[in-house]
Structures are given as structure tokens and as C-alpha cells.
Amino acid sequence: MPRRRADDADERSSIVDVIGFWSEVKLEIVRKYLPAYTTVLTQQKPRFKTLYVDAFAGSGHHISKTSGELVMGSPAIALDTRPPFDEYHFIDLDQAKVAALGALAQERSNVFVYHGDSNAILHQRVFTRAKYEDYRRALCFLDPYNLQLNWDVVAAAGQMRTVELFLNFPMLAIHRNVLRHDPKTVTKRNVNRMTQFWGDDSWREVGYREALTLFGPTEEKIEGRELAELYRERLRTVAGFSYVPQPMAMRNSQGGVVYYLFFCSYNRTGGKIVANIFERFRQKGYR
């Protein structure tokens, strides 16, 4: 299978996305956590029902930008996990990718595939299946390409105390579209998208600081790691997640941060397991 042009961000113009090595690292992190998650929850008494939710699922497979080979995406990894999940919920806005997900599911009765806006579908059709009193728990993978994710989805998951999240904080997209050196060049559409992603317009205040130059005071945007830490604080204090380990910085071949991978949980065990997984990858040089 031929390779395609490398870029700073994953290419999503075809049914099978071309992904950079940073996304392969992300998928490997998810692969290591899923069996730990299902093992812990299925050993509880009474036994919990487990749901895997992929809100920006893609087609289920990708092409590695590094090797040109076909690699398993997060839906395929989830379906391959043992012990298995009791239910799988895959969502995508692209009709062709939804069709590919349906083929991947192979008509399994416990796999639900949705076509449409992930924000609305999560609220209306998926999170309702993970009620606390029903002994149902969900692991949700939120991997938007840009700023498509709305904060109210994240906040709802935090309030439910039944949903753990892997969450892609799209740092590169934020720098390109929102946190520019000149805030006046940001379009109204991107301002609104950032406000929906952040949850309110406080990002305007925290995203810039006043700096003194030879020509007088000016606004200077903060570094990406500072913004990610502020978002981490929102996940804990506003959304209400008890355990949010230091996120993993996913970098491109030039060392630039493409996004930060967050994990959010109400459960100490899950938080400790993922913190350990993150640390093992940092020791390999991913930081």
C-alpha cells in the first residue's frame, strides 16, 4: 500500500486515515489499558456491564505514515480486547466510515454504529446506557481531529461517575486556529468553537498574558503545556473527575506537540493504571 505525504497532523481525507507515529503511540496506550479495564470491572461482585464508546471512530483501521502498513484503529482494538466489553458504541460523521464500521462489527448484536454528530449522540443515545444504579460502566475515547468536541459532553461524563475518558486535547489545531499571536486574526467561527470546546470564554483570559516590549505592552499567548495544565484543572474542578494524571504530549517528527492525551476517571484504580502506562511511555522518550 503506497505511503502518502507526511504532515503535522493526521490525514483524514479518505475512508482509511493515514496516521503519524504519535497516533500509533496513542493507540498502543489505549490497547494496554482496555484489558485492564474489562478485567477489573468484570471481576466485581455484582459484575459490572462494560461499554466501550468511540465518539470519533473513523473506519476502524488506519494506514501508518511511518511504514505504509494497515494498522488497527481504536474500534478494532476494542473488539479484539479480552475479556471483551459487553457493548460497543461507534460514532462518526462520515457515512463511508460508518459503513466500514458496520462491516467491522460483522452484524454482532452488541455493537451499535451511529452516523451523526457525536456530541448529540453521546448525550441522547449512549450515556443513558451507562447509569450508575444499573451497574453499567463505560470507557469513552474522545479523539476529535479539531475542535468538534463540546465541553458539555465532558462535563456530563464527569457528573455521571460511570464514564472514564481518553481525551485528545488538540493543541496544534488550537494554535493554528485560535491562539494566534494576533488575536484579531481569529475568525468568529473559531472563537465560538473554542468556547464550546473549553466550556466558557475564560480561555480568552487565560490563553494570553501581558508582556512588555520595546514598543510597549502587548498580549502574548501562553505556551501549550500551560494551557493543557489549565484544561486539566478544569477536568478536575469543573467536570468533577477525581483522577486526571499528567497528560501525554504527542509530538511530531519535529518535536512539536500535536495534541495532549488526557485520561479522566472517577476511579482511583483506573487513574493509577493509566498513570503507570503514561510513565512507561515517557521513559521510552515520549514526553
Protein backbone atom coordinates (compact mmCIF):
# COMPACT_ATOMS: atom_id res chain seq x y z
CA MET A 1 0.00 0.00 0.00
CA PRO A 2 1.65 3.29 -1.01
CA ARG A 3 2.61 5.89 1.55
CA ARG A 4 1.10 9.33 1.49
CA ARG A 5 2.52 12.75 2.21
CA ALA A 6 3.60 13.34 5.81
CA ASP A 7 2.19 16.41 7.54
CA ASP A 8 1.95 17.87 11.04
CA ALA A 9 -1.47 16.34 11.59
CA ASP A 10 -3.13 13.07 10.71
CA GLU A 11 -4.70 12.99 7.26
CA ARG A 12 -8.42 12.19 7.28
CA SER A 13 -9.46 12.71 3.70
CA SER A 14 -10.17 9.07 2.86
CA ILE A 15 -12.05 6.20 4.45
CA VAL A 16 -8.83 4.78 5.87
CA ASP A 17 -6.94 7.58 7.65
CA VAL A 18 -3.20 7.99 7.37
CA ILE A 19 -1.77 8.47 10.86
CA GLY A 20 1.56 9.62 12.23
CA PHE A 21 3.66 7.67 14.71
CA TRP A 22 2.28 9.78 17.56
CA SER A 23 -1.18 8.34 16.86
CA GLU A 24 0.28 4.84 16.83
CA VAL A 25 1.67 5.54 20.31
CA LYS A 26 -1.78 6.75 21.41
CA LEU A 27 -3.40 3.58 20.11
CA GLU A 28 -0.82 1.45 21.88
CA ILE A 29 -1.63 3.22 25.16
CA VAL A 30 -5.33 2.50 24.66
CA ARG A 31 -4.53 -1.11 23.73
CA LYS A 32 -2.68 -1.61 27.02
CA TYR A 33 -5.45 -0.14 29.17
CA LEU A 34 -8.56 -1.80 27.70
CA PRO A 35 -7.93 -5.36 29.01
CA ALA A 36 -7.02 -3.97 32.43
CA TYR A 37 -10.33 -2.07 32.46
CA THR A 38 -12.51 -5.03 31.49
CA THR A 39 -10.64 -7.40 33.82
CA VAL A 40 -11.13 -5.20 36.89
CA LEU A 41 -14.81 -4.47 36.25
CA THR A 42 -15.89 -7.97 35.28
CA GLN A 43 -14.36 -9.39 38.49
CA GLN A 44 -16.51 -7.18 40.71
CA LYS A 45 -19.48 -8.55 42.62
CA PRO A 46 -22.05 -7.80 41.44
CA ARG A 47 -20.48 -7.88 37.99
CA PHE A 48 -20.49 -4.60 36.09
CA LYS A 49 -21.62 -4.40 32.47
CA THR A 50 -18.90 -2.70 30.43
CA LEU A 51 -19.35 -0.36 27.46
CA TYR A 52 -16.70 0.82 25.02
CA VAL A 53 -17.56 4.12 23.32
CA ASP A 54 -15.63 5.61 20.39
CA ALA A 55 -17.04 9.04 19.55
CA PHE A 56 -14.88 9.92 16.52
CA ALA A 57 -14.28 6.35 15.48
CA GLY A 58 -13.10 6.58 11.89
CA SER A 59 -13.28 3.42 9.78
CA GLY A 60 -11.70 1.08 12.32
CA HIS A 61 -8.31 0.84 10.60
CA HIS A 62 -5.58 3.27 9.58
CA ILE A 63 -2.51 3.43 7.38
CA SER A 64 0.76 4.02 9.22
CA LYS A 65 2.54 7.06 7.80
CA THR A 66 5.81 5.52 9.00
CA SER A 67 5.52 2.03 7.49
CA GLY A 68 2.70 2.36 4.96
CA GLU A 69 1.06 -0.68 6.55
CA LEU A 70 -2.52 -1.12 7.67
CA VAL A 71 -2.88 -0.80 11.47
CA MET A 72 -5.79 -1.43 13.79
CA GLY A 73 -7.73 1.63 14.89
CA SER A 74 -9.32 2.01 18.30
CA PRO A 75 -12.64 0.29 17.33
CA ALA A 76 -10.79 -2.79 16.05
CA ILE A 77 -8.56 -2.79 19.15
CA ALA A 78 -11.64 -2.64 21.38
CA LEU A 79 -13.34 -5.52 19.55
CA ASP A 80 -10.15 -7.56 19.95
CA THR A 81 -9.86 -6.89 23.71
CA ARG A 82 -10.09 -9.80 26.16
CA PRO A 83 -12.04 -10.01 28.38
CA PRO A 84 -14.48 -8.44 25.92
CA PHE A 85 -16.75 -5.48 26.55
CA ASP A 86 -20.45 -6.16 26.86
CA GLU A 87 -21.36 -3.37 24.40
CA TYR A 88 -19.56 -1.32 21.77
CA HIS A 89 -20.72 2.08 20.52
CA PHE A 90 -19.02 3.61 17.46
CA ILE A 91 -19.88 7.08 16.16
CA ASP A 92 -18.69 9.01 13.12
CA LEU A 93 -19.93 11.87 10.96
CA ASP A 94 -18.60 10.35 7.72
CA GLN A 95 -21.12 7.99 6.12
CA ALA A 96 -18.44 5.93 4.35
CA LYS A 97 -16.58 5.37 7.62
CA VAL A 98 -19.83 4.44 9.33
CA ALA A 99 -20.35 1.80 6.63
CA ALA A 100 -16.84 0.47 7.25
CA LEU A 101 -17.57 0.29 10.98
CA GLY A 102 -20.71 -1.67 10.26
CA ALA A 103 -18.68 -4.17 8.24
CA LEU A 104 -16.14 -4.38 11.06
CA ALA A 105 -18.91 -5.20 13.53
CA GLN A 106 -19.97 -8.16 11.36
CA GLU A 107 -23.59 -7.92 12.49
CA ARG A 108 -22.73 -8.54 16.14
CA SER A 109 -25.79 -7.73 18.24
CA ASN A 110 -23.78 -5.91 20.93
CA VAL A 111 -22.17 -3.43 18.50
CA PHE A 112 -24.02 -0.16 17.83
CA VAL A 113 -22.89 2.10 15.00
CA TYR A 114 -24.18 5.68 14.71
CA HIS A 115 -23.95 8.23 11.92
CA GLY A 116 -24.06 11.85 13.03
CA ASP A 117 -22.83 14.47 15.49
CA SER A 118 -21.02 12.73 18.34
CA ASN A 119 -21.93 15.45 20.85
CA ALA A 120 -25.67 14.90 20.40
CA ILE A 121 -25.48 11.12 20.07
CA LEU A 122 -23.43 10.71 23.24
CA HIS A 123 -25.97 12.73 25.22
CA GLN A 124 -29.13 11.28 23.75
CA ARG A 125 -28.33 7.65 22.98
CA VAL A 126 -25.13 6.41 24.61
CA PHE A 127 -24.51 7.90 28.05
CA THR A 128 -28.07 6.95 29.03
CA ARG A 129 -26.97 3.30 28.76
CA ALA A 130 -24.32 3.74 31.47
CA LYS A 131 -26.39 4.54 34.54
CA TYR A 132 -24.76 4.16 37.93
CA GLU A 133 -27.67 2.31 39.51
CA ASP A 134 -27.69 -0.27 36.70
CA TYR A 135 -24.09 -1.37 37.44
CA ARG A 136 -23.01 -0.26 33.98
CA ARG A 137 -19.68 1.46 33.34
CA ALA A 138 -18.26 2.99 30.15
CA LEU A 139 -14.85 3.77 28.74
CA CYS A 140 -15.16 6.56 26.18
CA PHE A 141 -12.50 7.51 23.63
CA LEU A 142 -12.87 11.15 22.52
CA ASP A 143 -10.44 11.69 19.67
CA PRO A 144 -11.57 14.69 17.61
CA TYR A 145 -9.42 15.88 14.74
CA ASN A 146 -10.07 19.51 15.54
CA LEU A 147 -12.37 21.33 17.97
CA GLN A 148 -15.52 19.27 17.27
CA LEU A 149 -15.89 18.13 20.89
CA ASN A 150 -18.19 20.16 23.16
CA TRP A 151 -17.37 20.67 26.83
CA ASP A 152 -20.88 19.70 27.93
CA VAL A 153 -20.15 16.11 26.84
CA VAL A 154 -17.04 16.04 29.02
CA ALA A 155 -18.89 17.61 31.94
CA ALA A 156 -21.77 15.13 31.61
CA ALA A 157 -19.32 12.23 31.78
CA GLY A 158 -17.70 13.68 34.89
CA GLN A 159 -21.03 14.14 36.64
CA MET A 160 -22.22 10.61 35.87
CA ARG A 161 -19.33 8.93 37.70
CA THR A 162 -19.71 5.92 35.44
CA VAL A 163 -17.69 7.10 32.43
CA GLU A 164 -13.91 7.16 32.08
CA LEU A 165 -12.40 9.16 29.23
CA PHE A 166 -9.38 9.13 26.99
CA LEU A 167 -9.46 12.65 25.56
CA ASN A 168 -7.46 14.27 22.77
CA PHE A 169 -6.66 17.93 23.56
CA PRO A 170 -5.89 19.19 20.01
CA MET A 171 -3.02 21.56 20.75
CA LEU A 172 -1.88 22.04 17.15
CA ALA A 173 -5.40 22.88 15.98
CA ILE A 174 -5.82 25.36 18.85
CA HIS A 175 -2.57 27.13 17.97
CA ARG A 176 -3.39 27.25 14.26
CA ASN A 177 -6.99 28.37 14.57
CA VAL A 178 -7.43 30.16 17.90
CA LEU A 179 -4.37 31.06 19.97
CA ARG A 180 -2.60 33.15 17.38
CA HIS A 181 0.00 35.83 18.01
CA ASP A 182 -2.57 38.38 16.89
CA PRO A 183 -5.98 37.55 18.45
CA LYS A 184 -7.67 39.89 15.97
CA THR A 185 -6.97 37.43 13.15
CA VAL A 186 -9.09 34.67 14.75
CA THR A 187 -12.42 34.16 13.00
CA LYS A 188 -15.69 34.37 14.92
CA ARG A 189 -16.42 30.75 13.99
CA ASN A 190 -13.19 29.54 15.57
CA VAL A 191 -13.76 31.70 18.65
CA ASN A 192 -17.16 30.06 19.10
CA ARG A 193 -15.74 26.57 18.53
CA MET A 194 -13.05 27.15 21.15
CA THR A 195 -15.64 28.42 23.64
CA GLN A 196 -17.74 25.28 23.09
CA PHE A 197 -14.65 23.10 23.49
CA TRP A 198 -13.41 24.91 26.63
CA GLY A 199 -16.85 25.28 28.18
CA ASP A 200 -16.92 29.08 28.52
CA ASP A 201 -14.97 32.07 27.27
CA SER A 202 -12.44 32.06 30.13
CA TRP A 203 -9.89 30.72 27.63
CA ARG A 204 -9.62 34.28 26.29
CA GLU A 205 -8.27 35.47 29.63
CA VAL A 206 -6.01 32.54 30.46
CA GLY A 207 -4.73 31.99 26.91
CA TYR A 208 -2.87 35.28 26.78
CA ARG A 209 -0.74 37.27 29.19
CA GLU A 210 0.51 40.84 29.05
CA ALA A 211 4.15 41.22 28.02
CA LEU A 212 6.33 44.33 27.89
CA THR A 213 8.26 45.04 24.71
CA LEU A 214 10.35 47.93 23.40
CA PHE A 215 7.17 49.22 21.79
CA GLY A 216 5.07 48.99 24.94
CA PRO A 217 2.76 46.35 26.46
CA THR A 218 1.30 43.64 24.23
CA GLU A 219 -0.61 40.39 24.56
CA GLU A 220 1.44 37.20 24.37
CA LYS A 221 -0.10 33.75 24.09
CA ILE A 222 0.85 31.23 26.77
CA GLU A 223 2.70 28.03 26.00
CA GLY A 224 0.77 24.91 25.06
CA ARG A 225 1.78 22.98 28.16
CA GLU A 226 0.40 25.79 30.34
CA LEU A 227 -2.93 25.72 28.51
CA ALA A 228 -3.07 21.94 28.83
CA GLU A 229 -2.48 22.21 32.57
CA LEU A 230 -5.30 24.74 32.87
CA TYR A 231 -7.59 22.36 30.98
CA ARG A 232 -6.51 19.56 33.30
CA GLU A 233 -7.58 21.71 36.25
CA ARG A 234 -10.99 22.25 34.61
CA LEU A 235 -11.39 18.49 34.20
CA ARG A 236 -10.90 18.09 37.94
CA THR A 237 -12.65 21.13 39.41
CA VAL A 238 -15.38 21.86 36.86
CA ALA A 239 -16.16 18.49 35.25
CA GLY A 240 -15.55 16.73 38.56
CA PHE A 241 -13.20 13.89 37.61
CA SER A 242 -11.33 12.66 40.68
CA TYR A 243 -8.25 11.37 38.85
CA VAL A 244 -6.66 13.16 35.91
CA PRO A 245 -3.00 12.12 35.53
CA GLN A 246 -0.47 14.39 33.84
CA PRO A 247 -1.33 14.10 30.13
CA MET A 248 0.93 12.60 27.50
CA ALA A 249 2.36 15.06 24.97
CA MET A 250 2.15 13.55 21.48
CA ARG A 251 4.84 15.09 19.28
CA ASN A 252 5.52 15.06 15.56
CA SER A 253 8.89 14.34 13.94
CA GLN A 254 9.98 17.95 14.51
CA GLY A 255 9.25 17.72 18.24
CA GLY A 256 6.13 19.91 18.10
CA VAL A 257 3.15 18.91 20.24
CA VAL A 258 0.28 17.76 18.03
CA TYR A 259 -2.02 17.09 20.98
CA TYR A 260 -2.10 16.07 24.63
CA LEU A 261 -3.70 12.77 25.54
CA PHE A 262 -5.70 13.06 28.76
CA PHE A 263 -7.21 10.34 30.89
CA CYS A 264 -10.09 11.22 33.22
CA SER A 265 -11.61 8.90 35.81
CA TYR A 266 -13.74 8.81 38.92
CA ASN A 267 -11.87 5.66 39.95
CA ARG A 268 -8.51 5.55 41.73
CA THR A 269 -7.55 2.18 40.23
CA GLY A 270 -8.06 3.35 36.66
CA GLY A 271 -6.16 6.56 37.34
CA LYS A 272 -3.18 4.67 38.78
CA ILE A 273 -3.07 2.15 35.93
CA VAL A 274 -3.06 4.82 33.23
CA ALA A 275 -0.57 7.00 35.13
CA ASN A 276 1.78 3.98 35.14
CA ILE A 277 1.21 3.35 31.43
CA PHE A 278 1.93 7.01 30.65
CA GLU A 279 5.12 6.87 32.73
CA ARG A 280 6.38 3.77 30.92
CA PHE A 281 5.98 5.56 27.59
CA ARG A 282 7.70 8.66 28.94
CA GLN A 283 10.64 6.50 29.93
CA LYS A 284 10.81 5.37 26.30
CA GLY A 285 11.24 9.01 25.27
CA TYR A 286 7.62 10.03 24.61
CA ARG A 287 7.11 13.18 26.68
